[in-house]
Amino acid sequence: MFTKSLLRTMKPTFNIQSKKIEVSIPISTPVKDLKNWKMLTKSSLFICLNRKVDIITIEPQKYSIGHEIGNCEKYSFGKSKYLINRGIVLSHELVELITDSEDFERGLLLIILSGSPTLVIEHLTQIDKSSVELIILDDDGRSLIWYNPSSESDVNAMRVFCEKITGGNLQFGGN
């Protein structure tokens, strides 16, 4: 899966707290490792398989995957437009579709695991202070952030996943 030499060049950091899990790579990550970063983010999302989620697409385009997923409704708040897909089961195929999408790579797609999508939209600038459980790819696609994981088993599953891919040699970030 992920070799030690690959992890040395990619240099992911893991910040695991009770209210936020963040897996990041530095801006200096070589382009050749970005495909591996994508595999890492995809593998991380598999922890949430079979959960019922809502998906928000920010400023959707004609090609945005929110149009393909189903249970799609348009929503506006202020001057911004959104697509909300409600009650979607996070399947293996959907994880593939999400992680391959430009919306996700650009941080314009949020996976809401519990909480109100409209509340997230209305407080988008303060998402880190919210109690909604959600996952987003942020920081120009270099940080996978899981806000407010709802169970200790999710936090532990992510910790085990991070330890497994690093061979127990975790490099934890700040905060």
C-alpha atoms as a PDB file:
ATOM      1  CA  MET A   1       0.000   0.000   0.000  1.00  0.00           C
ATOM      2  CA  PHE A   2       2.196   2.886   1.239  1.00  0.00           C
ATOM      3  CA  THR A   3       5.928   2.220   1.492  1.00  0.00           C
ATOM      4  CA  LYS A   4       8.261   3.903   3.963  1.00  0.00           C
ATOM      5  CA  SER A   5      10.163   5.591   1.130  1.00  0.00           C
ATOM      6  CA  LEU A   6       6.904   6.955  -0.254  1.00  0.00           C
ATOM      7  CA  LEU A   7       5.936   8.324   3.149  1.00  0.00           C
ATOM      8  CA  ARG A   8       9.373   9.912   3.518  1.00  0.00           C
ATOM      9  CA  THR A   9       8.912  11.886   0.306  1.00  0.00           C
ATOM     10  CA  MET A  10       5.235  12.683   0.948  1.00  0.00           C
ATOM     11  CA  LYS A  11       5.834  13.487   4.662  1.00  0.00           C
ATOM     12  CA  PRO A  12       2.217  13.431   5.858  1.00  0.00           C
ATOM     13  CA  THR A  13       1.448  14.845   9.290  1.00  0.00           C
ATOM     14  CA  PHE A  14      -1.379  13.660  11.490  1.00  0.00           C
ATOM     15  CA  ASN A  15      -3.166  15.810  14.016  1.00  0.00           C
ATOM     16  CA  ILE A  16      -5.649  13.640  15.893  1.00  0.00           C
ATOM     17  CA  GLN A  17      -7.755  15.314  18.568  1.00  0.00           C
ATOM     18  CA  SER A  18     -11.204  14.619  19.981  1.00  0.00           C
ATOM     19  CA  LYS A  19     -12.846  17.377  17.884  1.00  0.00           C
ATOM     20  CA  LYS A  20     -10.704  17.302  14.756  1.00  0.00           C
ATOM     21  CA  ILE A  21      -8.629  14.843  12.776  1.00  0.00           C
ATOM     22  CA  GLU A  22      -6.312  16.336  10.187  1.00  0.00           C
ATOM     23  CA  VAL A  23      -4.014  14.536   7.771  1.00  0.00           C
ATOM     24  CA  SER A  24      -1.846  16.912   5.727  1.00  0.00           C
ATOM     25  CA  ILE A  25       1.043  17.035   3.327  1.00  0.00           C
ATOM     26  CA  PRO A  26       3.406  20.001   2.940  1.00  0.00           C
ATOM     27  CA  ILE A  27       3.198  22.382  -0.005  1.00  0.00           C
ATOM     28  CA  SER A  28       6.634  21.122  -1.056  1.00  0.00           C
ATOM     29  CA  THR A  29       5.288  17.606  -1.738  1.00  0.00           C
ATOM     30  CA  PRO A  30       6.638  16.461  -5.122  1.00  0.00           C
ATOM     31  CA  VAL A  31       4.047  16.285  -7.907  1.00  0.00           C
ATOM     32  CA  LYS A  32       4.814  12.572  -8.349  1.00  0.00           C
ATOM     33  CA  ASP A  33       3.510  11.964  -4.803  1.00  0.00           C
ATOM     34  CA  LEU A  34       0.153  13.694  -5.309  1.00  0.00           C
ATOM     35  CA  LYS A  35      -1.361  10.511  -6.765  1.00  0.00           C
ATOM     36  CA  ASN A  36      -0.341   8.730  -3.561  1.00  0.00           C
ATOM     37  CA  TRP A  37      -1.851  11.550  -1.485  1.00  0.00           C
ATOM     38  CA  LYS A  38      -5.101  10.986  -3.360  1.00  0.00           C
ATOM     39  CA  MET A  39      -4.922   7.259  -2.503  1.00  0.00           C
ATOM     40  CA  LEU A  40      -4.331   8.178   1.143  1.00  0.00           C
ATOM     41  CA  THR A  41      -7.362  10.497   1.268  1.00  0.00           C
ATOM     42  CA  LYS A  42      -9.509   7.881  -0.450  1.00  0.00           C
ATOM     43  CA  SER A  43      -8.410   5.198   2.011  1.00  0.00           C
ATOM     44  CA  SER A  44      -9.203   7.547   4.906  1.00  0.00           C
ATOM     45  CA  LEU A  45     -12.785   7.977   3.699  1.00  0.00           C
ATOM     46  CA  PHE A  46     -13.305   4.212   3.642  1.00  0.00           C
ATOM     47  CA  ILE A  47     -13.512   4.420   7.462  1.00  0.00           C
ATOM     48  CA  CYS A  48     -16.959   5.975   6.944  1.00  0.00           C
ATOM     49  CA  LEU A  49     -18.309   3.389   4.489  1.00  0.00           C
ATOM     50  CA  ASN A  50     -22.027   2.599   4.677  1.00  0.00           C
ATOM     51  CA  ARG A  51     -22.853   5.697   6.720  1.00  0.00           C
ATOM     52  CA  LYS A  52     -25.747   7.851   5.608  1.00  0.00           C
ATOM     53  CA  VAL A  53     -24.388  11.302   4.714  1.00  0.00           C
ATOM     54  CA  ASP A  54     -25.395  14.612   3.221  1.00  0.00           C
ATOM     55  CA  ILE A  55     -23.105  16.175   0.647  1.00  0.00           C
ATOM     56  CA  ILE A  56     -22.725  19.892  -0.036  1.00  0.00           C
ATOM     57  CA  THR A  57     -21.194  21.245  -3.225  1.00  0.00           C
ATOM     58  CA  ILE A  58     -20.170  24.900  -2.986  1.00  0.00           C
ATOM     59  CA  GLU A  59     -20.694  27.006  -6.133  1.00  0.00           C
ATOM     60  CA  PRO A  60     -21.541  23.950  -8.277  1.00  0.00           C
ATOM     61  CA  GLN A  61     -20.675  23.818 -11.953  1.00  0.00           C
ATOM     62  CA  LYS A  62     -22.485  21.898 -14.698  1.00  0.00           C
ATOM     63  CA  TYR A  63     -19.952  19.067 -14.283  1.00  0.00           C
ATOM     64  CA  SER A  64     -20.158  18.939 -10.452  1.00  0.00           C
ATOM     65  CA  ILE A  65     -20.764  15.451  -9.103  1.00  0.00           C
ATOM     66  CA  GLY A  66     -23.624  16.646  -6.914  1.00  0.00           C
ATOM     67  CA  HIS A  67     -25.789  16.545 -10.046  1.00  0.00           C
ATOM     68  CA  GLU A  68     -24.950  12.837 -10.521  1.00  0.00           C
ATOM     69  CA  ILE A  69     -25.363  11.588  -6.965  1.00  0.00           C
ATOM     70  CA  GLY A  70     -29.138  11.845  -6.491  1.00  0.00           C
ATOM     71  CA  ASN A  71     -31.474  13.396  -3.909  1.00  0.00           C
ATOM     72  CA  CYS A  72     -30.164  16.731  -5.144  1.00  0.00           C
ATOM     73  CA  GLU A  73     -31.594  20.106  -4.222  1.00  0.00           C
ATOM     74  CA  LYS A  74     -30.384  23.595  -4.999  1.00  0.00           C
ATOM     75  CA  TYR A  75     -29.864  26.009  -2.127  1.00  0.00           C
ATOM     76  CA  SER A  76     -28.860  29.668  -2.009  1.00  0.00           C
ATOM     77  CA  PHE A  77     -27.513  31.641   0.905  1.00  0.00           C
ATOM     78  CA  GLY A  78     -26.439  35.227   0.438  1.00  0.00           C
ATOM     79  CA  LYS A  79     -24.895  35.473  -3.006  1.00  0.00           C
ATOM     80  CA  SER A  80     -23.637  31.875  -3.018  1.00  0.00           C
ATOM     81  CA  LYS A  81     -25.208  28.793  -4.561  1.00  0.00           C
ATOM     82  CA  TYR A  82     -25.002  25.218  -3.301  1.00  0.00           C
ATOM     83  CA  LEU A  83     -26.141  21.724  -4.135  1.00  0.00           C
ATOM     84  CA  ILE A  84     -27.221  19.515  -1.268  1.00  0.00           C
ATOM     85  CA  ASN A  85     -27.500  15.739  -1.651  1.00  0.00           C
ATOM     86  CA  ARG A  86     -29.409  14.384   1.351  1.00  0.00           C
ATOM     87  CA  GLY A  87     -29.480  10.904   2.839  1.00  0.00           C
ATOM     88  CA  ILE A  88     -26.881   9.304   0.590  1.00  0.00           C
ATOM     89  CA  VAL A  89     -25.207   6.054   1.700  1.00  0.00           C
ATOM     90  CA  LEU A  90     -21.429   6.410   1.473  1.00  0.00           C
ATOM     91  CA  SER A  91     -20.559   3.419  -0.690  1.00  0.00           C
ATOM     92  CA  HIS A  92     -17.212   2.333  -2.101  1.00  0.00           C
ATOM     93  CA  GLU A  93     -18.301   3.665  -5.508  1.00  0.00           C
ATOM     94  CA  LEU A  94     -19.341   7.021  -4.031  1.00  0.00           C
ATOM     95  CA  VAL A  95     -15.984   7.403  -2.227  1.00  0.00           C
ATOM     96  CA  GLU A  96     -14.278   6.777  -5.590  1.00  0.00           C
ATOM     97  CA  LEU A  97     -16.527   9.326  -7.309  1.00  0.00           C
ATOM     98  CA  ILE A  98     -15.973  11.930  -4.577  1.00  0.00           C
ATOM     99  CA  THR A  99     -12.202  11.602  -4.385  1.00  0.00           C
ATOM    100  CA  ASP A 100     -11.892  11.713  -8.176  1.00  0.00           C
ATOM    101  CA  SER A 101     -13.949  14.897  -8.415  1.00  0.00           C
ATOM    102  CA  GLU A 102     -12.576  18.360  -8.981  1.00  0.00           C
ATOM    103  CA  ASP A 103     -15.091  19.664  -6.425  1.00  0.00           C
ATOM    104  CA  PHE A 104     -13.504  17.585  -3.660  1.00  0.00           C
ATOM    105  CA  GLU A 105      -9.926  18.296  -4.740  1.00  0.00           C
ATOM    106  CA  ARG A 106     -10.626  22.038  -4.651  1.00  0.00           C
ATOM    107  CA  GLY A 107     -12.293  21.920  -1.217  1.00  0.00           C
ATOM    108  CA  LEU A 108     -15.733  22.680  -2.644  1.00  0.00           C
ATOM    109  CA  LEU A 109     -17.376  19.439  -1.525  1.00  0.00           C
ATOM    110  CA  LEU A 110     -18.233  18.715   2.097  1.00  0.00           C
ATOM    111  CA  ILE A 111     -19.340  15.356   3.445  1.00  0.00           C
ATOM    112  CA  ILE A 112     -21.736  15.875   6.356  1.00  0.00           C
ATOM    113  CA  LEU A 113     -21.772  12.811   8.605  1.00  0.00           C
ATOM    114  CA  SER A 114     -24.157  14.261  11.184  1.00  0.00           C
ATOM    115  CA  GLY A 115     -25.830  17.624  11.475  1.00  0.00           C
ATOM    116  CA  SER A 116     -27.689  20.045   9.274  1.00  0.00           C
ATOM    117  CA  PRO A 117     -26.288  20.893   5.834  1.00  0.00           C
ATOM    118  CA  THR A 118     -28.099  24.239   5.848  1.00  0.00           C
ATOM    119  CA  LEU A 119     -26.541  25.082   9.221  1.00  0.00           C
ATOM    120  CA  VAL A 120     -23.104  24.276   7.778  1.00  0.00           C
ATOM    121  CA  ILE A 121     -23.761  26.549   4.801  1.00  0.00           C
ATOM    122  CA  GLU A 122     -24.959  29.395   7.004  1.00  0.00           C
ATOM    123  CA  HIS A 123     -21.829  29.141   9.188  1.00  0.00           C
ATOM    124  CA  LEU A 124     -19.303  28.118   6.533  1.00  0.00           C
ATOM    125  CA  THR A 125     -16.723  30.694   7.604  1.00  0.00           C
ATOM    126  CA  GLN A 126     -16.765  29.321  11.165  1.00  0.00           C
ATOM    127  CA  ILE A 127     -16.932  25.633  10.379  1.00  0.00           C
ATOM    128  CA  ASP A 128     -14.149  24.851  12.845  1.00  0.00           C
ATOM    129  CA  LYS A 129     -16.352  26.166  15.689  1.00  0.00           C
ATOM    130  CA  SER A 130     -19.382  24.150  14.610  1.00  0.00           C
ATOM    131  CA  SER A 131     -20.604  20.945  16.243  1.00  0.00           C
ATOM    132  CA  VAL A 132     -21.477  19.373  12.878  1.00  0.00           C
ATOM    133  CA  GLU A 133     -19.525  16.262  11.931  1.00  0.00           C
ATOM    134  CA  LEU A 134     -18.066  16.709   8.474  1.00  0.00           C
ATOM    135  CA  ILE A 135     -15.122  15.892   6.241  1.00  0.00           C
ATOM    136  CA  ILE A 136     -13.515  18.298   3.798  1.00  0.00           C
ATOM    137  CA  LEU A 137     -10.352  18.462   1.742  1.00  0.00           C
ATOM    138  CA  ASP A 138      -8.894  21.880   2.541  1.00  0.00           C
ATOM    139  CA  ASP A 139      -5.772  23.992   2.102  1.00  0.00           C
ATOM    140  CA  ASP A 140      -5.620  23.647  -1.694  1.00  0.00           C
ATOM    141  CA  GLY A 141      -6.190  19.907  -1.411  1.00  0.00           C
ATOM    142  CA  ARG A 142      -3.309  19.285   1.004  1.00  0.00           C
ATOM    143  CA  SER A 143      -5.317  18.711   4.200  1.00  0.00           C
ATOM    144  CA  LEU A 144      -8.044  16.184   4.846  1.00  0.00           C
ATOM    145  CA  ILE A 145      -9.990  17.434   7.862  1.00  0.00           C
ATOM    146  CA  TRP A 146     -12.622  15.490   9.786  1.00  0.00           C
ATOM    147  CA  TYR A 147     -14.408  17.861  12.150  1.00  0.00           C
ATOM    148  CA  ASN A 148     -16.198  16.531  15.243  1.00  0.00           C
ATOM    149  CA  PRO A 149     -15.870  12.762  14.764  1.00  0.00           C
ATOM    150  CA  SER A 150     -18.960  11.422  16.526  1.00  0.00           C
ATOM    151  CA  SER A 151     -17.489   8.352  18.105  1.00  0.00           C
ATOM    152  CA  GLU A 152     -14.308   7.306  19.811  1.00  0.00           C
ATOM    153  CA  SER A 153     -14.278   4.276  17.521  1.00  0.00           C
ATOM    154  CA  ASP A 154     -13.976   6.621  14.486  1.00  0.00           C
ATOM    155  CA  VAL A 155     -11.066   8.456  16.126  1.00  0.00           C
ATOM    156  CA  ASN A 156      -9.423   5.124  16.992  1.00  0.00           C
ATOM    157  CA  ALA A 157     -10.015   3.752  13.483  1.00  0.00           C
ATOM    158  CA  MET A 158      -8.299   6.804  12.026  1.00  0.00           C
ATOM    159  CA  ARG A 159      -5.437   6.507  14.523  1.00  0.00           C
ATOM    160  CA  VAL A 160      -4.990   2.811  13.626  1.00  0.00           C
ATOM    161  CA  PHE A 161      -5.124   3.680   9.914  1.00  0.00           C
ATOM    162  CA  CYS A 162      -2.454   6.381  10.369  1.00  0.00           C
ATOM    163  CA  GLU A 163      -0.252   4.049  12.436  1.00  0.00           C
ATOM    164  CA  LYS A 164      -0.658   1.292   9.850  1.00  0.00           C
ATOM    165  CA  ILE A 165       0.416   3.417   6.904  1.00  0.00           C
ATOM    166  CA  THR A 166       3.388   4.844   8.789  1.00  0.00           C
ATOM    167  CA  GLY A 167       4.451   1.579  10.404  1.00  0.00           C
ATOM    168  CA  GLY A 168       3.759   3.145  13.811  1.00  0.00           C
ATOM    169  CA  ASN A 169       6.138   5.990  13.046  1.00  0.00           C
ATOM    170  CA  LEU A 170       3.616   8.847  13.284  1.00  0.00           C
ATOM    171  CA  GLN A 171       4.659  12.426  12.761  1.00  0.00           C
ATOM    172  CA  PHE A 172       2.085  14.516  14.604  1.00  0.00           C
ATOM    173  CA  GLY A 173       1.365  18.129  13.705  1.00  0.00           C
ATOM    174  CA  GLY A 174       0.685  21.070  15.983  1.00  0.00           C
ATOM    175  CA  ASN A 175      -2.441  22.484  17.667  1.00  0.00           C
END
